[in-house]
N, C-alpha and C. Protein backbone atom coordinates (compact mmCIF):
# COMPACT_ATOMS: atom_id res chain seq x y z
N UNK A 1 -0.65 5.29 -5.08
CA UNK A 1 -0.49 3.72 -4.50
C UNK A 1 1.12 3.77 -5.18
N UNK A 2 1.99 3.17 -4.65
CA UNK A 2 3.42 2.73 -5.14
C UNK A 2 3.10 1.01 -5.59
N UNK A 3 2.93 1.28 -6.82
CA UNK A 3 2.84 -0.36 -7.43
C UNK A 3 4.15 -0.91 -7.71
N UNK A 4 4.19 -2.39 -7.97
CA UNK A 4 5.33 -2.71 -8.60
C UNK A 4 5.76 -2.37 -9.90
N UNK A 5 6.86 -2.19 -10.34
CA UNK A 5 7.21 -1.69 -11.69
C UNK A 5 6.34 -2.52 -12.98
N UNK A 6 5.92 -1.62 -13.62
CA UNK A 6 5.13 -2.61 -14.91
C UNK A 6 3.99 -2.49 -14.61
N UNK A 7 3.47 -2.49 -13.12
CA UNK A 7 1.93 -2.93 -12.67
C UNK A 7 1.38 -1.29 -12.83
N UNK A 8 0.37 -1.16 -13.64
CA UNK A 8 -0.15 0.23 -13.30
C UNK A 8 -1.74 0.40 -13.29
N UNK A 9 -2.12 1.44 -12.05
CA UNK A 9 -3.66 1.64 -12.07
C UNK A 9 -4.04 2.73 -12.38
N UNK A 10 -5.00 2.84 -13.35
CA UNK A 10 -5.87 3.90 -13.87
C UNK A 10 -7.23 4.40 -13.45
N UNK A 11 -7.36 5.22 -12.99
CA UNK A 11 -8.94 5.74 -12.86
C UNK A 11 -9.47 5.61 -14.49
N UNK A 12 -10.52 5.53 -14.59
CA UNK A 12 -11.32 5.45 -15.88
C UNK A 12 -12.05 6.90 -16.11
N UNK A 13 -12.00 7.42 -17.34
CA UNK A 13 -12.43 8.79 -17.29
C UNK A 13 -13.85 8.57 -17.76
N UNK A 14 -14.93 9.07 -17.56
CA UNK A 14 -16.20 9.00 -18.27
C UNK A 14 -16.87 10.55 -18.97
N UNK A 15 -17.65 10.18 -19.47
CA UNK A 15 -18.60 11.11 -20.49
C UNK A 15 -20.00 11.05 -19.95
N UNK A 16 -20.71 11.99 -19.25
CA UNK A 16 -21.96 12.04 -19.25
C UNK A 16 -23.06 12.12 -20.60
N UNK A 17 -24.00 11.16 -20.72
CA UNK A 17 -24.69 11.32 -21.74
C UNK A 17 -25.85 11.16 -21.48
N UNK A 18 -27.06 12.49 -21.00
CA UNK A 18 -27.98 12.27 -20.61
C UNK A 18 -28.01 11.42 -19.46
N UNK A 19 -28.57 10.30 -19.05
CA UNK A 19 -28.81 9.63 -17.86
C UNK A 19 -27.67 8.57 -18.06
N UNK A 20 -27.06 8.29 -19.19
CA UNK A 20 -25.89 6.96 -19.09
C UNK A 20 -24.53 8.06 -18.84
N UNK A 21 -23.53 7.19 -18.36
CA UNK A 21 -22.13 7.62 -18.47
C UNK A 21 -21.32 6.62 -19.21
N UNK A 22 -20.61 7.19 -19.91
CA UNK A 22 -19.81 6.48 -21.11
C UNK A 22 -18.45 6.49 -20.82
N UNK A 23 -17.83 5.09 -20.87
CA UNK A 23 -16.34 4.97 -20.01
C UNK A 23 -15.68 4.38 -21.55
N UNK A 24 -14.31 5.15 -21.87
CA UNK A 24 -13.42 4.56 -22.67
C UNK A 24 -12.97 3.20 -22.69
N UNK A 25 -13.43 2.58 -23.59
CA UNK A 25 -12.89 1.26 -23.78
C UNK A 25 -11.41 1.00 -23.81
N UNK A 26 -10.79 -0.12 -23.04
CA UNK A 26 -9.23 -0.31 -23.27
C UNK A 26 -9.01 -0.86 -24.69
N UNK A 27 -8.08 -0.61 -25.29
CA UNK A 27 -7.93 -1.27 -26.72
C UNK A 27 -7.16 -2.88 -26.36
N UNK A 28 -7.77 -3.82 -26.99
CA UNK A 28 -7.34 -4.98 -26.90
C UNK A 28 -7.24 -5.92 -27.95
N UNK A 29 -6.54 -7.34 -27.68
CA UNK A 29 -6.64 -8.09 -28.90
C UNK A 29 -7.82 -8.94 -28.64
N UNK A 30 -8.11 -9.26 -27.44
CA UNK A 30 -9.09 -10.04 -26.91
C UNK A 30 -10.03 -9.60 -25.73
N UNK A 31 -11.07 -9.60 -25.60
CA UNK A 31 -11.77 -9.03 -24.27
C UNK A 31 -12.58 -10.49 -23.88
N UNK A 32 -12.23 -10.75 -22.40
CA UNK A 32 -12.66 -11.70 -21.76
C UNK A 32 -13.59 -11.17 -20.46
N UNK A 33 -14.70 -12.01 -20.35
CA UNK A 33 -15.49 -11.73 -18.85
C UNK A 33 -15.05 -12.52 -18.10
N UNK A 34 -14.83 -12.30 -16.68
CA UNK A 34 -13.85 -13.39 -15.71
C UNK A 34 -14.74 -13.14 -14.78
N UNK A 35 -15.33 -14.34 -14.00
CA UNK A 35 -16.16 -14.33 -12.99
C UNK A 35 -15.17 -14.93 -11.58
N UNK A 36 -15.00 -14.24 -10.69
CA UNK A 36 -14.45 -14.80 -9.55
C UNK A 36 -15.29 -15.17 -8.36
N UNK A 37 -15.70 -16.17 -8.14
CA UNK A 37 -16.80 -16.48 -6.93
C UNK A 37 -16.51 -15.98 -5.90
N UNK A 38 -17.42 -16.00 -5.31
CA UNK A 38 -17.92 -15.37 -4.13
C UNK A 38 -16.84 -16.38 -2.83
N UNK A 39 -16.44 -15.52 -1.78
CA UNK A 39 -15.68 -16.62 -0.59
C UNK A 39 -14.53 -17.01 -1.21
N UNK A 40 -13.77 -16.53 -2.25
CA UNK A 40 -12.73 -17.29 -2.99
C UNK A 40 -11.46 -16.78 -2.85
N UNK A 41 -10.38 -17.58 -2.34
CA UNK A 41 -9.24 -17.34 -1.91
C UNK A 41 -8.16 -18.22 -3.00
N UNK A 42 -7.86 -17.43 -4.41
CA UNK A 42 -7.18 -18.28 -5.44
C UNK A 42 -5.79 -18.26 -5.71
N UNK A 43 -4.96 -19.26 -6.43
CA UNK A 43 -3.54 -19.20 -6.23
C UNK A 43 -3.07 -18.14 -7.36
N UNK A 44 -1.85 -18.27 -7.46
CA UNK A 44 -1.41 -17.44 -8.29
C UNK A 44 -1.24 -18.03 -9.87
N UNK A 45 -1.35 -16.95 -10.75
CA UNK A 45 -0.82 -17.29 -12.33
C UNK A 45 0.01 -16.21 -12.48
N UNK A 46 0.80 -16.67 -13.70
CA UNK A 46 1.83 -16.09 -14.45
C UNK A 46 1.42 -16.17 -15.85
N UNK A 47 1.36 -15.18 -16.81
CA UNK A 47 1.08 -15.06 -18.11
C UNK A 47 2.23 -14.91 -19.02
N UNK A 48 3.00 -15.63 -19.96
CA UNK A 48 4.17 -15.52 -20.55
C UNK A 48 3.81 -14.41 -21.93
N UNK A 49 2.77 -14.64 -22.39
CA UNK A 49 2.23 -14.02 -23.66
C UNK A 49 0.93 -13.16 -23.66
N UNK A 50 0.69 -12.72 -22.56
CA UNK A 50 -0.24 -11.71 -22.67
C UNK A 50 -0.04 -10.45 -21.48
N UNK A 51 -0.84 -9.38 -21.72
CA UNK A 51 -0.90 -8.22 -20.75
C UNK A 51 -2.35 -8.60 -20.16
N UNK A 52 -2.82 -8.39 -19.14
CA UNK A 52 -4.15 -8.48 -18.54
C UNK A 52 -4.13 -6.80 -18.13
N UNK A 53 -5.38 -6.42 -18.49
CA UNK A 53 -6.12 -5.11 -18.55
C UNK A 53 -7.30 -5.21 -17.65
N UNK A 54 -7.67 -5.10 -16.24
CA UNK A 54 -8.59 -5.82 -15.72
C UNK A 54 -9.62 -4.63 -15.23
N UNK A 55 -11.02 -4.61 -15.10
CA UNK A 55 -11.81 -3.60 -14.91
C UNK A 55 -13.07 -4.22 -14.34
N UNK A 56 -13.18 -4.05 -12.95
CA UNK A 56 -14.39 -4.66 -12.44
C UNK A 56 -15.62 -4.09 -12.69
N UNK A 57 -16.54 -4.78 -12.88
CA UNK A 57 -18.21 -4.38 -13.62
C UNK A 57 -19.09 -4.59 -12.59
N UNK A 58 -18.68 -5.73 -11.73
CA UNK A 58 -19.87 -6.01 -10.57
C UNK A 58 -18.97 -6.61 -9.44
N UNK A 59 -19.25 -5.95 -8.26
CA UNK A 59 -18.60 -6.73 -6.95
C UNK A 59 -17.49 -5.91 -6.79
N UNK A 60 -16.45 -6.57 -6.13
CA UNK A 60 -15.06 -6.16 -5.61
C UNK A 60 -14.24 -7.58 -5.39
N UNK A 61 -12.89 -7.05 -5.68
CA UNK A 61 -12.09 -7.90 -4.93
C UNK A 61 -10.53 -7.42 -4.85
N UNK A 62 -9.54 -8.35 -4.22
CA UNK A 62 -8.52 -7.88 -3.91
C UNK A 62 -7.58 -8.59 -5.34
N UNK A 63 -6.87 -7.84 -5.88
CA UNK A 63 -5.65 -8.32 -6.83
C UNK A 63 -4.41 -8.74 -5.94
N UNK A 64 -4.03 -9.84 -5.86
CA UNK A 64 -2.70 -9.91 -5.37
C UNK A 64 -1.49 -10.16 -6.07
N UNK A 65 -0.34 -9.44 -6.00
CA UNK A 65 0.80 -9.15 -7.10
C UNK A 65 1.99 -9.86 -6.16
N UNK A 66 2.71 -10.85 -6.42
CA UNK A 66 4.09 -11.15 -5.98
C UNK A 66 4.89 -10.51 -6.60
N UNK A 67 6.35 -9.82 -5.67
CA UNK A 67 7.28 -9.29 -6.21
C UNK A 67 8.10 -9.18 -5.42
N UNK A 68 9.36 -9.65 -5.56
CA UNK A 68 10.47 -9.78 -4.53
C UNK A 68 10.02 -10.17 -3.01
N UNK A 69 9.43 -11.62 -3.42
CA UNK A 69 8.93 -12.23 -2.01
C UNK A 69 8.09 -11.53 -1.21
N UNK A 70 7.35 -10.68 -1.71
CA UNK A 70 6.44 -9.73 -0.93
C UNK A 70 4.98 -9.59 -1.60
N UNK A 71 3.71 -9.75 -1.32
CA UNK A 71 2.72 -9.55 -1.59
C UNK A 71 2.30 -8.02 -1.56
N UNK A 72 1.78 -7.53 -2.80
CA UNK A 72 0.93 -6.32 -2.83
C UNK A 72 -0.29 -6.64 -2.78
N UNK A 73 -1.45 -6.05 -2.19
CA UNK A 73 -2.71 -6.22 -2.35
C UNK A 73 -3.56 -4.91 -3.25
N UNK A 74 -4.27 -5.14 -4.26
CA UNK A 74 -4.63 -3.94 -4.88
C UNK A 74 -6.07 -3.94 -4.86
N UNK A 75 -7.07 -3.60 -3.89
CA UNK A 75 -8.32 -3.63 -4.08
C UNK A 75 -8.78 -2.89 -5.25
N UNK A 76 -10.32 -3.80 -5.94
CA UNK A 76 -10.87 -3.31 -6.88
C UNK A 76 -12.13 -3.29 -6.80
N UNK A 77 -12.96 -2.40 -7.13
CA UNK A 77 -14.52 -2.08 -7.05
C UNK A 77 -14.93 -1.66 -8.04
N UNK A 78 -16.22 -1.98 -7.93
CA UNK A 78 -17.33 -1.39 -9.07
C UNK A 78 -17.78 -0.07 -8.96
N UNK A 79 -17.40 0.26 -7.61
CA UNK A 79 -17.92 1.62 -7.18
C UNK A 79 -16.45 3.05 -7.25
N UNK A 80 -15.52 2.38 -7.97
CA UNK A 80 -14.23 3.16 -8.27
C UNK A 80 -13.72 2.78 -9.18
N UNK A 81 -14.34 2.77 -11.05
CA UNK A 81 -13.87 2.21 -12.13
C UNK A 81 -12.17 2.67 -12.40
N UNK A 82 -11.59 1.54 -12.20
CA UNK A 82 -10.15 1.57 -12.37
C UNK A 82 -9.98 0.56 -13.20
N UNK A 83 -8.54 0.82 -14.23
CA UNK A 83 -8.30 -0.25 -14.74
C UNK A 83 -6.69 -0.68 -14.22
N UNK A 84 -6.59 -1.91 -13.82
CA UNK A 84 -5.25 -2.26 -13.66
C UNK A 84 -4.44 -3.22 -14.69
N UNK A 85 -3.58 -2.85 -14.77
CA UNK A 85 -2.52 -3.38 -16.26
C UNK A 85 -1.47 -4.16 -15.42
N UNK A 86 -1.39 -5.56 -15.77
CA UNK A 86 -0.47 -6.77 -15.23
C UNK A 86 0.17 -7.18 -16.43
N UNK A 87 1.54 -6.51 -16.56
CA UNK A 87 2.29 -7.24 -17.69
C UNK A 87 2.59 -8.57 -17.69
N UNK A 88 2.92 -9.04 -18.64
CA UNK A 88 3.35 -10.59 -18.74
C UNK A 88 4.57 -10.94 -17.61
N UNK A 89 4.49 -11.87 -17.26
CA UNK A 89 5.68 -12.28 -16.55
C UNK A 89 5.77 -12.10 -14.75
N UNK A 90 4.29 -11.36 -14.33
CA UNK A 90 3.97 -10.83 -13.25
C UNK A 90 3.15 -11.98 -12.45
N UNK A 91 3.50 -12.34 -11.45
CA UNK A 91 2.83 -13.30 -10.89
C UNK A 91 1.68 -12.71 -10.05
N UNK A 92 0.68 -13.25 -10.05
CA UNK A 92 -0.83 -12.24 -9.87
C UNK A 92 -1.77 -13.56 -9.35
N UNK A 93 -2.68 -13.09 -8.36
CA UNK A 93 -3.87 -14.01 -7.91
C UNK A 93 -5.11 -13.02 -7.50
N UNK A 94 -6.10 -13.95 -6.98
CA UNK A 94 -7.33 -12.79 -6.77
C UNK A 94 -7.89 -13.51 -5.20
N UNK A 95 -8.62 -12.66 -4.43
CA UNK A 95 -9.19 -12.86 -3.07
C UNK A 95 -10.38 -12.16 -3.26
N UNK A 96 -11.61 -12.87 -3.22
CA UNK A 96 -13.02 -12.35 -3.20
C UNK A 96 -13.46 -12.84 -1.76
N UNK A 97 -13.37 -11.74 -0.94
CA UNK A 97 -13.87 -12.37 0.65
C UNK A 97 -15.40 -12.12 0.63
N UNK A 98 -16.10 -11.44 -0.26
CA UNK A 98 -17.38 -11.33 -0.12
C UNK A 98 -18.49 -12.01 -0.60
N UNK A 99 -19.79 -11.99 -0.16
CA UNK A 99 -20.56 -13.07 -0.79
C UNK A 99 -21.20 -13.14 -2.05
N UNK A 100 -20.63 -12.24 -2.55
CA UNK A 100 -21.13 -11.69 -4.11
C UNK A 100 -20.14 -12.44 -5.25
N UNK A 101 -20.37 -12.56 -6.00
CA UNK A 101 -19.39 -12.85 -7.15
C UNK A 101 -19.03 -11.88 -7.91
N UNK A 102 -17.69 -11.65 -8.20
CA UNK A 102 -17.11 -10.63 -8.90
C UNK A 102 -17.05 -10.69 -10.38
N UNK A 103 -17.71 -9.91 -11.08
CA UNK A 103 -17.22 -9.70 -12.55
C UNK A 103 -16.31 -8.67 -13.09
N UNK A 104 -15.75 -9.22 -13.98
CA UNK A 104 -14.43 -8.21 -14.47
C UNK A 104 -14.21 -8.58 -15.89
N UNK A 105 -13.87 -7.64 -16.59
CA UNK A 105 -13.43 -7.48 -17.93
C UNK A 105 -11.97 -7.48 -18.10
N UNK A 106 -11.57 -8.41 -18.87
CA UNK A 106 -10.12 -8.71 -18.81
C UNK A 106 -9.77 -8.05 -20.39
N UNK A 107 -9.06 -6.85 -20.78
CA UNK A 107 -8.98 -6.53 -22.27
C UNK A 107 -7.59 -7.10 -22.46
N UNK A 108 -7.60 -8.27 -22.92
CA UNK A 108 -6.06 -8.86 -23.35
C UNK A 108 -5.02 -8.24 -24.34
N UNK A 109 -3.85 -8.15 -24.04
CA UNK A 109 -3.03 -7.73 -24.91
C UNK A 109 -2.32 -8.74 -25.11
N UNK A 110 -2.23 -9.59 -26.43
CA UNK A 110 -1.49 -10.65 -26.70
C UNK A 110 0.24 -10.43 -27.22
N UNK A 111 0.90 -11.04 -26.73
CA UNK A 111 2.37 -11.07 -27.32
C UNK A 111 2.81 -12.09 -27.94
N UNK A 112 2.10 -13.19 -28.40
CA UNK A 112 2.31 -14.49 -29.15
C UNK A 112 1.14 -15.22 -28.98
N UNK A 113 1.25 -16.42 -29.45
CA UNK A 113 0.02 -17.55 -29.13
C UNK A 113 -0.10 -17.67 -27.57
N UNK A 114 -1.55 -17.87 -27.31
CA UNK A 114 -1.63 -18.12 -25.91
C UNK A 114 -1.30 -19.37 -25.67
N UNK A 115 -0.47 -19.77 -24.41
CA UNK A 115 -0.45 -21.11 -23.80
C UNK A 115 -0.92 -21.81 -22.86
N UNK A 116 -1.61 -22.73 -22.97
CA UNK A 116 -2.43 -23.28 -21.86
C UNK A 116 -1.68 -23.49 -20.47
N UNK A 117 0.05 -22.95 -20.41
CA UNK A 117 0.12 -23.21 -19.14
C UNK A 117 0.25 -22.05 -18.51
N UNK A 118 -0.44 -20.60 -19.31
CA UNK A 118 -0.69 -19.41 -18.96
C UNK A 118 -1.76 -19.39 -17.87
N UNK A 119 -2.88 -20.38 -17.93
CA UNK A 119 -3.74 -20.38 -17.02
C UNK A 119 -3.51 -21.45 -16.34
N UNK A 120 -2.37 -22.26 -15.86
CA UNK A 120 -2.54 -23.12 -14.75
C UNK A 120 -1.88 -22.44 -13.58
N UNK A 121 -2.77 -22.78 -12.59
CA UNK A 121 -2.39 -22.08 -11.31
C UNK A 121 -0.85 -22.46 -10.69
N UNK A 122 -0.34 -21.40 -10.42
CA UNK A 122 0.97 -21.72 -9.28
C UNK A 122 0.86 -21.52 -7.92
N UNK A 123 1.23 -22.48 -7.19
CA UNK A 123 1.18 -22.56 -5.70
C UNK A 123 1.73 -21.26 -5.15
N UNK A 124 0.94 -20.85 -4.05
CA UNK A 124 1.54 -19.68 -3.26
C UNK A 124 2.85 -20.29 -2.21
N UNK A 125 3.86 -19.21 -2.69
CA UNK A 125 5.19 -19.71 -2.06
C UNK A 125 4.84 -19.99 -0.48
N UNK A 126 3.93 -18.54 -0.08
CA UNK A 126 3.77 -18.75 1.43
C UNK A 126 2.24 -17.98 1.58
N UNK A 127 1.78 -18.18 2.50
CA UNK A 127 0.36 -17.78 2.74
C UNK A 127 0.11 -16.12 2.22
N UNK A 128 -1.36 -15.74 1.94
CA UNK A 128 -1.61 -14.46 1.77
C UNK A 128 -2.06 -13.68 3.38
N UNK A 129 -1.89 -12.82 3.36
CA UNK A 129 -2.06 -11.85 4.64
C UNK A 129 -3.60 -11.42 4.48
N UNK A 130 -4.63 -12.38 4.98
CA UNK A 130 -5.85 -11.86 4.77
C UNK A 130 -6.35 -10.52 5.49
N UNK A 131 -5.62 -10.40 6.45
CA UNK A 131 -6.32 -9.25 7.28
C UNK A 131 -5.86 -7.94 6.56
N UNK A 132 -4.88 -7.98 5.73
CA UNK A 132 -4.30 -6.97 5.04
C UNK A 132 -5.12 -6.73 3.53
N UNK A 133 -5.48 -7.89 3.22
CA UNK A 133 -6.38 -7.76 2.18
C UNK A 133 -7.51 -7.05 2.32
N UNK A 134 -8.45 -7.65 3.50
CA UNK A 134 -9.43 -7.00 4.10
C UNK A 134 -9.50 -5.59 4.23
N UNK A 135 -8.11 -5.12 4.89
CA UNK A 135 -8.01 -3.62 5.29
C UNK A 135 -7.82 -2.80 3.89
N UNK A 136 -7.36 -3.17 2.94
CA UNK A 136 -7.32 -2.84 1.57
C UNK A 136 -8.58 -2.25 0.90
N UNK A 137 -9.68 -3.29 1.04
CA UNK A 137 -10.78 -3.01 0.68
C UNK A 137 -11.54 -2.06 1.43
N UNK A 138 -11.35 -2.18 2.54
CA UNK A 138 -11.84 -1.18 3.45
C UNK A 138 -11.61 0.45 3.19
N UNK A 139 -10.33 0.39 2.83
CA UNK A 139 -9.53 1.74 2.38
C UNK A 139 -10.07 2.21 1.02
N UNK A 140 -10.47 1.17 0.16
CA UNK A 140 -11.27 1.64 -1.08
C UNK A 140 -12.46 2.22 -0.94
N UNK A 141 -13.45 1.75 0.16
CA UNK A 141 -14.61 1.93 0.37
C UNK A 141 -14.98 3.26 0.84
N UNK A 142 -13.43 3.78 1.75
CA UNK A 142 -13.57 5.09 2.31
C UNK A 142 -13.27 6.07 1.30
N UNK A 143 -12.89 5.65 0.41
CA UNK A 143 -12.33 6.53 -1.06
C UNK A 143 -13.64 6.92 -1.60
N UNK A 144 -14.59 5.91 -1.74
CA UNK A 144 -15.75 5.97 -2.81
C UNK A 144 -16.67 6.80 -1.65
N UNK A 145 -16.67 6.64 -0.63
CA UNK A 145 -17.87 7.57 0.47
C UNK A 145 -17.82 9.03 0.15
């Protein structure tokens, strides 16, 4: 998938140990558990002093990234363990169209003191393409099957 410069998507590698499967954790300065409620279409956020490293552990959602007046829709699901890295300064939001909450781990890399403004929503300059977001989730479901 051709992502915006600086935004990366990496499939997690695992090691089988008996019945358990072990995934390598992301290095971070702080680890945050995030809940994206069911049936949520969120505004955008931009962090000036942190890089987000997101991994879905329950459910699924679509990460929306705004770049050059265009949205990119990145589907993420517990069924396909991937880490998406969002560097500081990149506007991003989330869409959870399912009836289930989505839980994800954010392994945050700090680039200075956290700012309260980093967590304040930014209004969307134009509406999301919800049909495109739905199709992106269908595409990831096809990969997993």
